[in-house]
Amino acid sequence: APDVGGTPGDWARVATLGANAVRA
């Protein structure tokens, strides 16, 4: 989510990771 005055704006999915993933 973008920062909007110190709080999160609208959330958007940016990645779908497989099981046991440790980074994106």
PDBML (XML) file of the C-alpha atoms, coordinates in Angstrom:
<?xml version="1.0" encoding="UTF-8" ?>
<PDBx:datablock datablockName="MODEL"
   xmlns:PDBx="http://pdbml.pdb.org/schema/pdbx-v50.xsd"
   xmlns:xsi="http://www.w3.org/2001/XMLSchema-instance"
   xsi:schemaLocation="http://pdbml.pdb.org/schema/pdbx-v50.xsd pdbx-v50.xsd">
   <PDBx:atom_siteCategory>
      <PDBx:atom_site id="1">
         <PDBx:B_iso_or_equiv>0.00</PDBx:B_iso_or_equiv>
         <PDBx:Cartn_x>0.000</PDBx:Cartn_x>
         <PDBx:Cartn_y>0.000</PDBx:Cartn_y>
         <PDBx:Cartn_z>0.000</PDBx:Cartn_z>
         <PDBx:auth_asym_id>A</PDBx:auth_asym_id>
         <PDBx:auth_atom_id>CA</PDBx:auth_atom_id>
         <PDBx:auth_comp_id>ALA</PDBx:auth_comp_id>
         <PDBx:auth_seq_id>1</PDBx:auth_seq_id>
         <PDBx:group_PDB>ATOM</PDBx:group_PDB>
         <PDBx:label_alt_id xsi:nil="true" />
         <PDBx:label_asym_id>A</PDBx:label_asym_id>
         <PDBx:label_atom_id>CA</PDBx:label_atom_id>
         <PDBx:label_comp_id>ALA</PDBx:label_comp_id>
         <PDBx:label_entity_id>1</PDBx:label_entity_id>
         <PDBx:label_seq_id>1</PDBx:label_seq_id>
         <PDBx:occupancy>1.00</PDBx:occupancy>
         <PDBx:pdbx_PDB_model_num>1</PDBx:pdbx_PDB_model_num>
         <PDBx:type_symbol>C</PDBx:type_symbol>
      </PDBx:atom_site>
      <PDBx:atom_site id="2">
         <PDBx:B_iso_or_equiv>0.00</PDBx:B_iso_or_equiv>
         <PDBx:Cartn_x>1.234</PDBx:Cartn_x>
         <PDBx:Cartn_y>3.526</PDBx:Cartn_y>
         <PDBx:Cartn_z>-0.628</PDBx:Cartn_z>
         <PDBx:auth_asym_id>A</PDBx:auth_asym_id>
         <PDBx:auth_atom_id>CA</PDBx:auth_atom_id>
         <PDBx:auth_comp_id>PRO</PDBx:auth_comp_id>
         <PDBx:auth_seq_id>2</PDBx:auth_seq_id>
         <PDBx:group_PDB>ATOM</PDBx:group_PDB>
         <PDBx:label_alt_id xsi:nil="true" />
         <PDBx:label_asym_id>A</PDBx:label_asym_id>
         <PDBx:label_atom_id>CA</PDBx:label_atom_id>
         <PDBx:label_comp_id>PRO</PDBx:label_comp_id>
         <PDBx:label_entity_id>1</PDBx:label_entity_id>
         <PDBx:label_seq_id>2</PDBx:label_seq_id>
         <PDBx:occupancy>1.00</PDBx:occupancy>
         <PDBx:pdbx_PDB_model_num>1</PDBx:pdbx_PDB_model_num>
         <PDBx:type_symbol>C</PDBx:type_symbol>
      </PDBx:atom_site>
      <PDBx:atom_site id="3">
         <PDBx:B_iso_or_equiv>0.00</PDBx:B_iso_or_equiv>
         <PDBx:Cartn_x>1.818</PDBx:Cartn_x>
         <PDBx:Cartn_y>5.759</PDBx:Cartn_y>
         <PDBx:Cartn_z>2.356</PDBx:Cartn_z>
         <PDBx:auth_asym_id>A</PDBx:auth_asym_id>
         <PDBx:auth_atom_id>CA</PDBx:auth_atom_id>
         <PDBx:auth_comp_id>ASP</PDBx:auth_comp_id>
         <PDBx:auth_seq_id>3</PDBx:auth_seq_id>
         <PDBx:group_PDB>ATOM</PDBx:group_PDB>
         <PDBx:label_alt_id xsi:nil="true" />
         <PDBx:label_asym_id>A</PDBx:label_asym_id>
         <PDBx:label_atom_id>CA</PDBx:label_atom_id>
         <PDBx:label_comp_id>ASP</PDBx:label_comp_id>
         <PDBx:label_entity_id>1</PDBx:label_entity_id>
         <PDBx:label_seq_id>3</PDBx:label_seq_id>
         <PDBx:occupancy>1.00</PDBx:occupancy>
         <PDBx:pdbx_PDB_model_num>1</PDBx:pdbx_PDB_model_num>
         <PDBx:type_symbol>C</PDBx:type_symbol>
      </PDBx:atom_site>
      <PDBx:atom_site id="4">
         <PDBx:B_iso_or_equiv>0.00</PDBx:B_iso_or_equiv>
         <PDBx:Cartn_x>-0.952</PDBx:Cartn_x>
         <PDBx:Cartn_y>8.306</PDBx:Cartn_y>
         <PDBx:Cartn_z>2.787</PDBx:Cartn_z>
         <PDBx:auth_asym_id>A</PDBx:auth_asym_id>
         <PDBx:auth_atom_id>CA</PDBx:auth_atom_id>
         <PDBx:auth_comp_id>VAL</PDBx:auth_comp_id>
         <PDBx:auth_seq_id>4</PDBx:auth_seq_id>
         <PDBx:group_PDB>ATOM</PDBx:group_PDB>
         <PDBx:label_alt_id xsi:nil="true" />
         <PDBx:label_asym_id>A</PDBx:label_asym_id>
         <PDBx:label_atom_id>CA</PDBx:label_atom_id>
         <PDBx:label_comp_id>VAL</PDBx:label_comp_id>
         <PDBx:label_entity_id>1</PDBx:label_entity_id>
         <PDBx:label_seq_id>4</PDBx:label_seq_id>
         <PDBx:occupancy>1.00</PDBx:occupancy>
         <PDBx:pdbx_PDB_model_num>1</PDBx:pdbx_PDB_model_num>
         <PDBx:type_symbol>C</PDBx:type_symbol>
      </PDBx:atom_site>
      <PDBx:atom_site id="5">
         <PDBx:B_iso_or_equiv>0.00</PDBx:B_iso_or_equiv>
         <PDBx:Cartn_x>-0.050</PDBx:Cartn_x>
         <PDBx:Cartn_y>10.739</PDBx:Cartn_y>
         <PDBx:Cartn_z>5.530</PDBx:Cartn_z>
         <PDBx:auth_asym_id>A</PDBx:auth_asym_id>
         <PDBx:auth_atom_id>CA</PDBx:auth_atom_id>
         <PDBx:auth_comp_id>GLY</PDBx:auth_comp_id>
         <PDBx:auth_seq_id>5</PDBx:auth_seq_id>
         <PDBx:group_PDB>ATOM</PDBx:group_PDB>
         <PDBx:label_alt_id xsi:nil="true" />
         <PDBx:label_asym_id>A</PDBx:label_asym_id>
         <PDBx:label_atom_id>CA</PDBx:label_atom_id>
         <PDBx:label_comp_id>GLY</PDBx:label_comp_id>
         <PDBx:label_entity_id>1</PDBx:label_entity_id>
         <PDBx:label_seq_id>5</PDBx:label_seq_id>
         <PDBx:occupancy>1.00</PDBx:occupancy>
         <PDBx:pdbx_PDB_model_num>1</PDBx:pdbx_PDB_model_num>
         <PDBx:type_symbol>C</PDBx:type_symbol>
      </PDBx:atom_site>
      <PDBx:atom_site id="6">
         <PDBx:B_iso_or_equiv>0.00</PDBx:B_iso_or_equiv>
         <PDBx:Cartn_x>1.532</PDBx:Cartn_x>
         <PDBx:Cartn_y>8.088</PDBx:Cartn_y>
         <PDBx:Cartn_z>7.737</PDBx:Cartn_z>
         <PDBx:auth_asym_id>A</PDBx:auth_asym_id>
         <PDBx:auth_atom_id>CA</PDBx:auth_atom_id>
         <PDBx:auth_comp_id>GLY</PDBx:auth_comp_id>
         <PDBx:auth_seq_id>6</PDBx:auth_seq_id>
         <PDBx:group_PDB>ATOM</PDBx:group_PDB>
         <PDBx:label_alt_id xsi:nil="true" />
         <PDBx:label_asym_id>A</PDBx:label_asym_id>
         <PDBx:label_atom_id>CA</PDBx:label_atom_id>
         <PDBx:label_comp_id>GLY</PDBx:label_comp_id>
         <PDBx:label_entity_id>1</PDBx:label_entity_id>
         <PDBx:label_seq_id>6</PDBx:label_seq_id>
         <PDBx:occupancy>1.00</PDBx:occupancy>
         <PDBx:pdbx_PDB_model_num>1</PDBx:pdbx_PDB_model_num>
         <PDBx:type_symbol>C</PDBx:type_symbol>
      </PDBx:atom_site>
      <PDBx:atom_site id="7">
         <PDBx:B_iso_or_equiv>0.00</PDBx:B_iso_or_equiv>
         <PDBx:Cartn_x>-1.105</PDBx:Cartn_x>
         <PDBx:Cartn_y>5.403</PDBx:Cartn_y>
         <PDBx:Cartn_z>7.183</PDBx:Cartn_z>
         <PDBx:auth_asym_id>A</PDBx:auth_asym_id>
         <PDBx:auth_atom_id>CA</PDBx:auth_atom_id>
         <PDBx:auth_comp_id>THR</PDBx:auth_comp_id>
         <PDBx:auth_seq_id>7</PDBx:auth_seq_id>
         <PDBx:group_PDB>ATOM</PDBx:group_PDB>
         <PDBx:label_alt_id xsi:nil="true" />
         <PDBx:label_asym_id>A</PDBx:label_asym_id>
         <PDBx:label_atom_id>CA</PDBx:label_atom_id>
         <PDBx:label_comp_id>THR</PDBx:label_comp_id>
         <PDBx:label_entity_id>1</PDBx:label_entity_id>
         <PDBx:label_seq_id>7</PDBx:label_seq_id>
         <PDBx:occupancy>1.00</PDBx:occupancy>
         <PDBx:pdbx_PDB_model_num>1</PDBx:pdbx_PDB_model_num>
         <PDBx:type_symbol>C</PDBx:type_symbol>
      </PDBx:atom_site>
      <PDBx:atom_site id="8">
         <PDBx:B_iso_or_equiv>0.00</PDBx:B_iso_or_equiv>
         <PDBx:Cartn_x>-1.472</PDBx:Cartn_x>
         <PDBx:Cartn_y>2.782</PDBx:Cartn_y>
         <PDBx:Cartn_z>4.454</PDBx:Cartn_z>
         <PDBx:auth_asym_id>A</PDBx:auth_asym_id>
         <PDBx:auth_atom_id>CA</PDBx:auth_atom_id>
         <PDBx:auth_comp_id>PRO</PDBx:auth_comp_id>
         <PDBx:auth_seq_id>8</PDBx:auth_seq_id>
         <PDBx:group_PDB>ATOM</PDBx:group_PDB>
         <PDBx:label_alt_id xsi:nil="true" />
         <PDBx:label_asym_id>A</PDBx:label_asym_id>
         <PDBx:label_atom_id>CA</PDBx:label_atom_id>
         <PDBx:label_comp_id>PRO</PDBx:label_comp_id>
         <PDBx:label_entity_id>1</PDBx:label_entity_id>
         <PDBx:label_seq_id>8</PDBx:label_seq_id>
         <PDBx:occupancy>1.00</PDBx:occupancy>
         <PDBx:pdbx_PDB_model_num>1</PDBx:pdbx_PDB_model_num>
         <PDBx:type_symbol>C</PDBx:type_symbol>
      </PDBx:atom_site>
      <PDBx:atom_site id="9">
         <PDBx:B_iso_or_equiv>0.00</PDBx:B_iso_or_equiv>
         <PDBx:Cartn_x>-3.564</PDBx:Cartn_x>
         <PDBx:Cartn_y>3.621</PDBx:Cartn_y>
         <PDBx:Cartn_z>1.408</PDBx:Cartn_z>
         <PDBx:auth_asym_id>A</PDBx:auth_asym_id>
         <PDBx:auth_atom_id>CA</PDBx:auth_atom_id>
         <PDBx:auth_comp_id>GLY</PDBx:auth_comp_id>
         <PDBx:auth_seq_id>9</PDBx:auth_seq_id>
         <PDBx:group_PDB>ATOM</PDBx:group_PDB>
         <PDBx:label_alt_id xsi:nil="true" />
         <PDBx:label_asym_id>A</PDBx:label_asym_id>
         <PDBx:label_atom_id>CA</PDBx:label_atom_id>
         <PDBx:label_comp_id>GLY</PDBx:label_comp_id>
         <PDBx:label_entity_id>1</PDBx:label_entity_id>
         <PDBx:label_seq_id>9</PDBx:label_seq_id>
         <PDBx:occupancy>1.00</PDBx:occupancy>
         <PDBx:pdbx_PDB_model_num>1</PDBx:pdbx_PDB_model_num>
         <PDBx:type_symbol>C</PDBx:type_symbol>
      </PDBx:atom_site>
      <PDBx:atom_site id="10">
         <PDBx:B_iso_or_equiv>0.00</PDBx:B_iso_or_equiv>
         <PDBx:Cartn_x>-5.324</PDBx:Cartn_x>
         <PDBx:Cartn_y>0.977</PDBx:Cartn_y>
         <PDBx:Cartn_z>-0.664</PDBx:Cartn_z>
         <PDBx:auth_asym_id>A</PDBx:auth_asym_id>
         <PDBx:auth_atom_id>CA</PDBx:auth_atom_id>
         <PDBx:auth_comp_id>ASP</PDBx:auth_comp_id>
         <PDBx:auth_seq_id>10</PDBx:auth_seq_id>
         <PDBx:group_PDB>ATOM</PDBx:group_PDB>
         <PDBx:label_alt_id xsi:nil="true" />
         <PDBx:label_asym_id>A</PDBx:label_asym_id>
         <PDBx:label_atom_id>CA</PDBx:label_atom_id>
         <PDBx:label_comp_id>ASP</PDBx:label_comp_id>
         <PDBx:label_entity_id>1</PDBx:label_entity_id>
         <PDBx:label_seq_id>10</PDBx:label_seq_id>
         <PDBx:occupancy>1.00</PDBx:occupancy>
         <PDBx:pdbx_PDB_model_num>1</PDBx:pdbx_PDB_model_num>
         <PDBx:type_symbol>C</PDBx:type_symbol>
      </PDBx:atom_site>
      <PDBx:atom_site id="11">
         <PDBx:B_iso_or_equiv>0.00</PDBx:B_iso_or_equiv>
         <PDBx:Cartn_x>-3.701</PDBx:Cartn_x>
         <PDBx:Cartn_y>-2.455</PDBx:Cartn_y>
         <PDBx:Cartn_z>-0.469</PDBx:Cartn_z>
         <PDBx:auth_asym_id>A</PDBx:auth_asym_id>
         <PDBx:auth_atom_id>CA</PDBx:auth_atom_id>
         <PDBx:auth_comp_id>TRP</PDBx:auth_comp_id>
         <PDBx:auth_seq_id>11</PDBx:auth_seq_id>
         <PDBx:group_PDB>ATOM</PDBx:group_PDB>
         <PDBx:label_alt_id xsi:nil="true" />
         <PDBx:label_asym_id>A</PDBx:label_asym_id>
         <PDBx:label_atom_id>CA</PDBx:label_atom_id>
         <PDBx:label_comp_id>TRP</PDBx:label_comp_id>
         <PDBx:label_entity_id>1</PDBx:label_entity_id>
         <PDBx:label_seq_id>11</PDBx:label_seq_id>
         <PDBx:occupancy>1.00</PDBx:occupancy>
         <PDBx:pdbx_PDB_model_num>1</PDBx:pdbx_PDB_model_num>
         <PDBx:type_symbol>C</PDBx:type_symbol>
      </PDBx:atom_site>
      <PDBx:atom_site id="12">
         <PDBx:B_iso_or_equiv>0.00</PDBx:B_iso_or_equiv>
         <PDBx:Cartn_x>-2.840</PDBx:Cartn_x>
         <PDBx:Cartn_y>-4.287</PDBx:Cartn_y>
         <PDBx:Cartn_z>-3.712</PDBx:Cartn_z>
         <PDBx:auth_asym_id>A</PDBx:auth_asym_id>
         <PDBx:auth_atom_id>CA</PDBx:auth_atom_id>
         <PDBx:auth_comp_id>ALA</PDBx:auth_comp_id>
         <PDBx:auth_seq_id>12</PDBx:auth_seq_id>
         <PDBx:group_PDB>ATOM</PDBx:group_PDB>
         <PDBx:label_alt_id xsi:nil="true" />
         <PDBx:label_asym_id>A</PDBx:label_asym_id>
         <PDBx:label_atom_id>CA</PDBx:label_atom_id>
         <PDBx:label_comp_id>ALA</PDBx:label_comp_id>
         <PDBx:label_entity_id>1</PDBx:label_entity_id>
         <PDBx:label_seq_id>12</PDBx:label_seq_id>
         <PDBx:occupancy>1.00</PDBx:occupancy>
         <PDBx:pdbx_PDB_model_num>1</PDBx:pdbx_PDB_model_num>
         <PDBx:type_symbol>C</PDBx:type_symbol>
      </PDBx:atom_site>
      <PDBx:atom_site id="13">
         <PDBx:B_iso_or_equiv>0.00</PDBx:B_iso_or_equiv>
         <PDBx:Cartn_x>-1.421</PDBx:Cartn_x>
         <PDBx:Cartn_y>-7.766</PDBx:Cartn_y>
         <PDBx:Cartn_z>-4.219</PDBx:Cartn_z>
         <PDBx:auth_asym_id>A</PDBx:auth_asym_id>
         <PDBx:auth_atom_id>CA</PDBx:auth_atom_id>
         <PDBx:auth_comp_id>ARG</PDBx:auth_comp_id>
         <PDBx:auth_seq_id>13</PDBx:auth_seq_id>
         <PDBx:group_PDB>ATOM</PDBx:group_PDB>
         <PDBx:label_alt_id xsi:nil="true" />
         <PDBx:label_asym_id>A</PDBx:label_asym_id>
         <PDBx:label_atom_id>CA</PDBx:label_atom_id>
         <PDBx:label_comp_id>ARG</PDBx:label_comp_id>
         <PDBx:label_entity_id>1</PDBx:label_entity_id>
         <PDBx:label_seq_id>13</PDBx:label_seq_id>
         <PDBx:occupancy>1.00</PDBx:occupancy>
         <PDBx:pdbx_PDB_model_num>1</PDBx:pdbx_PDB_model_num>
         <PDBx:type_symbol>C</PDBx:type_symbol>
      </PDBx:atom_site>
      <PDBx:atom_site id="14">
         <PDBx:B_iso_or_equiv>0.00</PDBx:B_iso_or_equiv>
         <PDBx:Cartn_x>2.054</PDBx:Cartn_x>
         <PDBx:Cartn_y>-7.452</PDBx:Cartn_y>
         <PDBx:Cartn_z>-5.742</PDBx:Cartn_z>
         <PDBx:auth_asym_id>A</PDBx:auth_asym_id>
         <PDBx:auth_atom_id>CA</PDBx:auth_atom_id>
         <PDBx:auth_comp_id>VAL</PDBx:auth_comp_id>
         <PDBx:auth_seq_id>14</PDBx:auth_seq_id>
         <PDBx:group_PDB>ATOM</PDBx:group_PDB>
         <PDBx:label_alt_id xsi:nil="true" />
         <PDBx:label_asym_id>A</PDBx:label_asym_id>
         <PDBx:label_atom_id>CA</PDBx:label_atom_id>
         <PDBx:label_comp_id>VAL</PDBx:label_comp_id>
         <PDBx:label_entity_id>1</PDBx:label_entity_id>
         <PDBx:label_seq_id>14</PDBx:label_seq_id>
         <PDBx:occupancy>1.00</PDBx:occupancy>
         <PDBx:pdbx_PDB_model_num>1</PDBx:pdbx_PDB_model_num>
         <PDBx:type_symbol>C</PDBx:type_symbol>
      </PDBx:atom_site>
      <PDBx:atom_site id="15">
         <PDBx:B_iso_or_equiv>0.00</PDBx:B_iso_or_equiv>
         <PDBx:Cartn_x>3.275</PDBx:Cartn_x>
         <PDBx:Cartn_y>-11.050</PDBx:Cartn_y>
         <PDBx:Cartn_z>-5.561</PDBx:Cartn_z>
         <PDBx:auth_asym_id>A</PDBx:auth_asym_id>
         <PDBx:auth_atom_id>CA</PDBx:auth_atom_id>
         <PDBx:auth_comp_id>ALA</PDBx:auth_comp_id>
         <PDBx:auth_seq_id>15</PDBx:auth_seq_id>
         <PDBx:group_PDB>ATOM</PDBx:group_PDB>
         <PDBx:label_alt_id xsi:nil="true" />
         <PDBx:label_asym_id>A</PDBx:label_asym_id>
         <PDBx:label_atom_id>CA</PDBx:label_atom_id>
         <PDBx:label_comp_id>ALA</PDBx:label_comp_id>
         <PDBx:label_entity_id>1</PDBx:label_entity_id>
         <PDBx:label_seq_id>15</PDBx:label_seq_id>
         <PDBx:occupancy>1.00</PDBx:occupancy>
         <PDBx:pdbx_PDB_model_num>1</PDBx:pdbx_PDB_model_num>
         <PDBx:type_symbol>C</PDBx:type_symbol>
      </PDBx:atom_site>
      <PDBx:atom_site id="16">
         <PDBx:B_iso_or_equiv>0.00</PDBx:B_iso_or_equiv>
         <PDBx:Cartn_x>2.147</PDBx:Cartn_x>
         <PDBx:Cartn_y>-14.624</PDBx:Cartn_y>
         <PDBx:Cartn_z>-5.076</PDBx:Cartn_z>
         <PDBx:auth_asym_id>A</PDBx:auth_asym_id>
         <PDBx:auth_atom_id>CA</PDBx:auth_atom_id>
         <PDBx:auth_comp_id>THR</PDBx:auth_comp_id>
         <PDBx:auth_seq_id>16</PDBx:auth_seq_id>
         <PDBx:group_PDB>ATOM</PDBx:group_PDB>
         <PDBx:label_alt_id xsi:nil="true" />
         <PDBx:label_asym_id>A</PDBx:label_asym_id>
         <PDBx:label_atom_id>CA</PDBx:label_atom_id>
         <PDBx:label_comp_id>THR</PDBx:label_comp_id>
         <PDBx:label_entity_id>1</PDBx:label_entity_id>
         <PDBx:label_seq_id>16</PDBx:label_seq_id>
         <PDBx:occupancy>1.00</PDBx:occupancy>
         <PDBx:pdbx_PDB_model_num>1</PDBx:pdbx_PDB_model_num>
         <PDBx:type_symbol>C</PDBx:type_symbol>
      </PDBx:atom_site>
      <PDBx:atom_site id="17">
         <PDBx:B_iso_or_equiv>0.00</PDBx:B_iso_or_equiv>
         <PDBx:Cartn_x>4.951</PDBx:Cartn_x>
         <PDBx:Cartn_y>-16.803</PDBx:Cartn_y>
         <PDBx:Cartn_z>-3.722</PDBx:Cartn_z>
         <PDBx:auth_asym_id>A</PDBx:auth_asym_id>
         <PDBx:auth_atom_id>CA</PDBx:auth_atom_id>
         <PDBx:auth_comp_id>LEU</PDBx:auth_comp_id>
         <PDBx:auth_seq_id>17</PDBx:auth_seq_id>
         <PDBx:group_PDB>ATOM</PDBx:group_PDB>
         <PDBx:label_alt_id xsi:nil="true" />
         <PDBx:label_asym_id>A</PDBx:label_asym_id>
         <PDBx:label_atom_id>CA</PDBx:label_atom_id>
         <PDBx:label_comp_id>LEU</PDBx:label_comp_id>
         <PDBx:label_entity_id>1</PDBx:label_entity_id>
         <PDBx:label_seq_id>17</PDBx:label_seq_id>
         <PDBx:occupancy>1.00</PDBx:occupancy>
         <PDBx:pdbx_PDB_model_num>1</PDBx:pdbx_PDB_model_num>
         <PDBx:type_symbol>C</PDBx:type_symbol>
      </PDBx:atom_site>
      <PDBx:atom_site id="18">
         <PDBx:B_iso_or_equiv>0.00</PDBx:B_iso_or_equiv>
         <PDBx:Cartn_x>5.307</PDBx:Cartn_x>
         <PDBx:Cartn_y>-20.537</PDBx:Cartn_y>
         <PDBx:Cartn_z>-3.362</PDBx:Cartn_z>
         <PDBx:auth_asym_id>A</PDBx:auth_asym_id>
         <PDBx:auth_atom_id>CA</PDBx:auth_atom_id>
         <PDBx:auth_comp_id>GLY</PDBx:auth_comp_id>
         <PDBx:auth_seq_id>18</PDBx:auth_seq_id>
         <PDBx:group_PDB>ATOM</PDBx:group_PDB>
         <PDBx:label_alt_id xsi:nil="true" />
         <PDBx:label_asym_id>A</PDBx:label_asym_id>
         <PDBx:label_atom_id>CA</PDBx:label_atom_id>
         <PDBx:label_comp_id>GLY</PDBx:label_comp_id>
         <PDBx:label_entity_id>1</PDBx:label_entity_id>
         <PDBx:label_seq_id>18</PDBx:label_seq_id>
         <PDBx:occupancy>1.00</PDBx:occupancy>
         <PDBx:pdbx_PDB_model_num>1</PDBx:pdbx_PDB_model_num>
         <PDBx:type_symbol>C</PDBx:type_symbol>
      </PDBx:atom_site>
      <PDBx:atom_site id="19">
         <PDBx:B_iso_or_equiv>0.00</PDBx:B_iso_or_equiv>
         <PDBx:Cartn_x>5.503</PDBx:Cartn_x>
         <PDBx:Cartn_y>-22.519</PDBx:Cartn_y>
         <PDBx:Cartn_z>-0.134</PDBx:Cartn_z>
         <PDBx:auth_asym_id>A</PDBx:auth_asym_id>
         <PDBx:auth_atom_id>CA</PDBx:auth_atom_id>
         <PDBx:auth_comp_id>ALA</PDBx:auth_comp_id>
         <PDBx:auth_seq_id>19</PDBx:auth_seq_id>
         <PDBx:group_PDB>ATOM</PDBx:group_PDB>
         <PDBx:label_alt_id xsi:nil="true" />
         <PDBx:label_asym_id>A</PDBx:label_asym_id>
         <PDBx:label_atom_id>CA</PDBx:label_atom_id>
         <PDBx:label_comp_id>ALA</PDBx:label_comp_id>
         <PDBx:label_entity_id>1</PDBx:label_entity_id>
         <PDBx:label_seq_id>19</PDBx:label_seq_id>
         <PDBx:occupancy>1.00</PDBx:occupancy>
         <PDBx:pdbx_PDB_model_num>1</PDBx:pdbx_PDB_model_num>
         <PDBx:type_symbol>C</PDBx:type_symbol>
      </PDBx:atom_site>
      <PDBx:atom_site id="20">
         <PDBx:B_iso_or_equiv>0.00</PDBx:B_iso_or_equiv>
         <PDBx:Cartn_x>8.512</PDBx:Cartn_x>
         <PDBx:Cartn_y>-21.791</PDBx:Cartn_y>
         <PDBx:Cartn_z>2.093</PDBx:Cartn_z>
         <PDBx:auth_asym_id>A</PDBx:auth_asym_id>
         <PDBx:auth_atom_id>CA</PDBx:auth_atom_id>
         <PDBx:auth_comp_id>ASN</PDBx:auth_comp_id>
         <PDBx:auth_seq_id>20</PDBx:auth_seq_id>
         <PDBx:group_PDB>ATOM</PDBx:group_PDB>
         <PDBx:label_alt_id xsi:nil="true" />
         <PDBx:label_asym_id>A</PDBx:label_asym_id>
         <PDBx:label_atom_id>CA</PDBx:label_atom_id>
         <PDBx:label_comp_id>ASN</PDBx:label_comp_id>
         <PDBx:label_entity_id>1</PDBx:label_entity_id>
         <PDBx:label_seq_id>20</PDBx:label_seq_id>
         <PDBx:occupancy>1.00</PDBx:occupancy>
         <PDBx:pdbx_PDB_model_num>1</PDBx:pdbx_PDB_model_num>
         <PDBx:type_symbol>C</PDBx:type_symbol>
      </PDBx:atom_site>
      <PDBx:atom_site id="21">
         <PDBx:B_iso_or_equiv>0.00</PDBx:B_iso_or_equiv>
         <PDBx:Cartn_x>9.454</PDBx:Cartn_x>
         <PDBx:Cartn_y>-18.628</PDBx:Cartn_y>
         <PDBx:Cartn_z>0.185</PDBx:Cartn_z>
         <PDBx:auth_asym_id>A</PDBx:auth_asym_id>
         <PDBx:auth_atom_id>CA</PDBx:auth_atom_id>
         <PDBx:auth_comp_id>ALA</PDBx:auth_comp_id>
         <PDBx:auth_seq_id>21</PDBx:auth_seq_id>
         <PDBx:group_PDB>ATOM</PDBx:group_PDB>
         <PDBx:label_alt_id xsi:nil="true" />
         <PDBx:label_asym_id>A</PDBx:label_asym_id>
         <PDBx:label_atom_id>CA</PDBx:label_atom_id>
         <PDBx:label_comp_id>ALA</PDBx:label_comp_id>
         <PDBx:label_entity_id>1</PDBx:label_entity_id>
         <PDBx:label_seq_id>21</PDBx:label_seq_id>
         <PDBx:occupancy>1.00</PDBx:occupancy>
         <PDBx:pdbx_PDB_model_num>1</PDBx:pdbx_PDB_model_num>
         <PDBx:type_symbol>C</PDBx:type_symbol>
      </PDBx:atom_site>
      <PDBx:atom_site id="22">
         <PDBx:B_iso_or_equiv>0.00</PDBx:B_iso_or_equiv>
         <PDBx:Cartn_x>11.768</PDBx:Cartn_x>
         <PDBx:Cartn_y>-16.380</PDBx:Cartn_y>
         <PDBx:Cartn_z>2.167</PDBx:Cartn_z>
         <PDBx:auth_asym_id>A</PDBx:auth_asym_id>
         <PDBx:auth_atom_id>CA</PDBx:auth_atom_id>
         <PDBx:auth_comp_id>VAL</PDBx:auth_comp_id>
         <PDBx:auth_seq_id>22</PDBx:auth_seq_id>
         <PDBx:group_PDB>ATOM</PDBx:group_PDB>
         <PDBx:label_alt_id xsi:nil="true" />
         <PDBx:label_asym_id>A</PDBx:label_asym_id>
         <PDBx:label_atom_id>CA</PDBx:label_atom_id>
         <PDBx:label_comp_id>VAL</PDBx:label_comp_id>
         <PDBx:label_entity_id>1</PDBx:label_entity_id>
         <PDBx:label_seq_id>22</PDBx:label_seq_id>
         <PDBx:occupancy>1.00</PDBx:occupancy>
         <PDBx:pdbx_PDB_model_num>1</PDBx:pdbx_PDB_model_num>
         <PDBx:type_symbol>C</PDBx:type_symbol>
      </PDBx:atom_site>
      <PDBx:atom_site id="23">
         <PDBx:B_iso_or_equiv>0.00</PDBx:B_iso_or_equiv>
         <PDBx:Cartn_x>11.945</PDBx:Cartn_x>
         <PDBx:Cartn_y>-13.271</PDBx:Cartn_y>
         <PDBx:Cartn_z>-0.038</PDBx:Cartn_z>
         <PDBx:auth_asym_id>A</PDBx:auth_asym_id>
         <PDBx:auth_atom_id>CA</PDBx:auth_atom_id>
         <PDBx:auth_comp_id>ARG</PDBx:auth_comp_id>
         <PDBx:auth_seq_id>23</PDBx:auth_seq_id>
         <PDBx:group_PDB>ATOM</PDBx:group_PDB>
         <PDBx:label_alt_id xsi:nil="true" />
         <PDBx:label_asym_id>A</PDBx:label_asym_id>
         <PDBx:label_atom_id>CA</PDBx:label_atom_id>
         <PDBx:label_comp_id>ARG</PDBx:label_comp_id>
         <PDBx:label_entity_id>1</PDBx:label_entity_id>
         <PDBx:label_seq_id>23</PDBx:label_seq_id>
         <PDBx:occupancy>1.00</PDBx:occupancy>
         <PDBx:pdbx_PDB_model_num>1</PDBx:pdbx_PDB_model_num>
         <PDBx:type_symbol>C</PDBx:type_symbol>
      </PDBx:atom_site>
      <PDBx:atom_site id="24">
         <PDBx:B_iso_or_equiv>0.00</PDBx:B_iso_or_equiv>
         <PDBx:Cartn_x>10.163</PDBx:Cartn_x>
         <PDBx:Cartn_y>-11.320</PDBx:Cartn_y>
         <PDBx:Cartn_z>-2.732</PDBx:Cartn_z>
         <PDBx:auth_asym_id>A</PDBx:auth_asym_id>
         <PDBx:auth_atom_id>CA</PDBx:auth_atom_id>
         <PDBx:auth_comp_id>ALA</PDBx:auth_comp_id>
         <PDBx:auth_seq_id>24</PDBx:auth_seq_id>
         <PDBx:group_PDB>ATOM</PDBx:group_PDB>
         <PDBx:label_alt_id xsi:nil="true" />
         <PDBx:label_asym_id>A</PDBx:label_asym_id>
         <PDBx:label_atom_id>CA</PDBx:label_atom_id>
         <PDBx:label_comp_id>ALA</PDBx:label_comp_id>
         <PDBx:label_entity_id>1</PDBx:label_entity_id>
         <PDBx:label_seq_id>24</PDBx:label_seq_id>
         <PDBx:occupancy>1.00</PDBx:occupancy>
         <PDBx:pdbx_PDB_model_num>1</PDBx:pdbx_PDB_model_num>
         <PDBx:type_symbol>C</PDBx:type_symbol>
      </PDBx:atom_site>
   </PDBx:atom_siteCategory>
</PDBx:datablock>
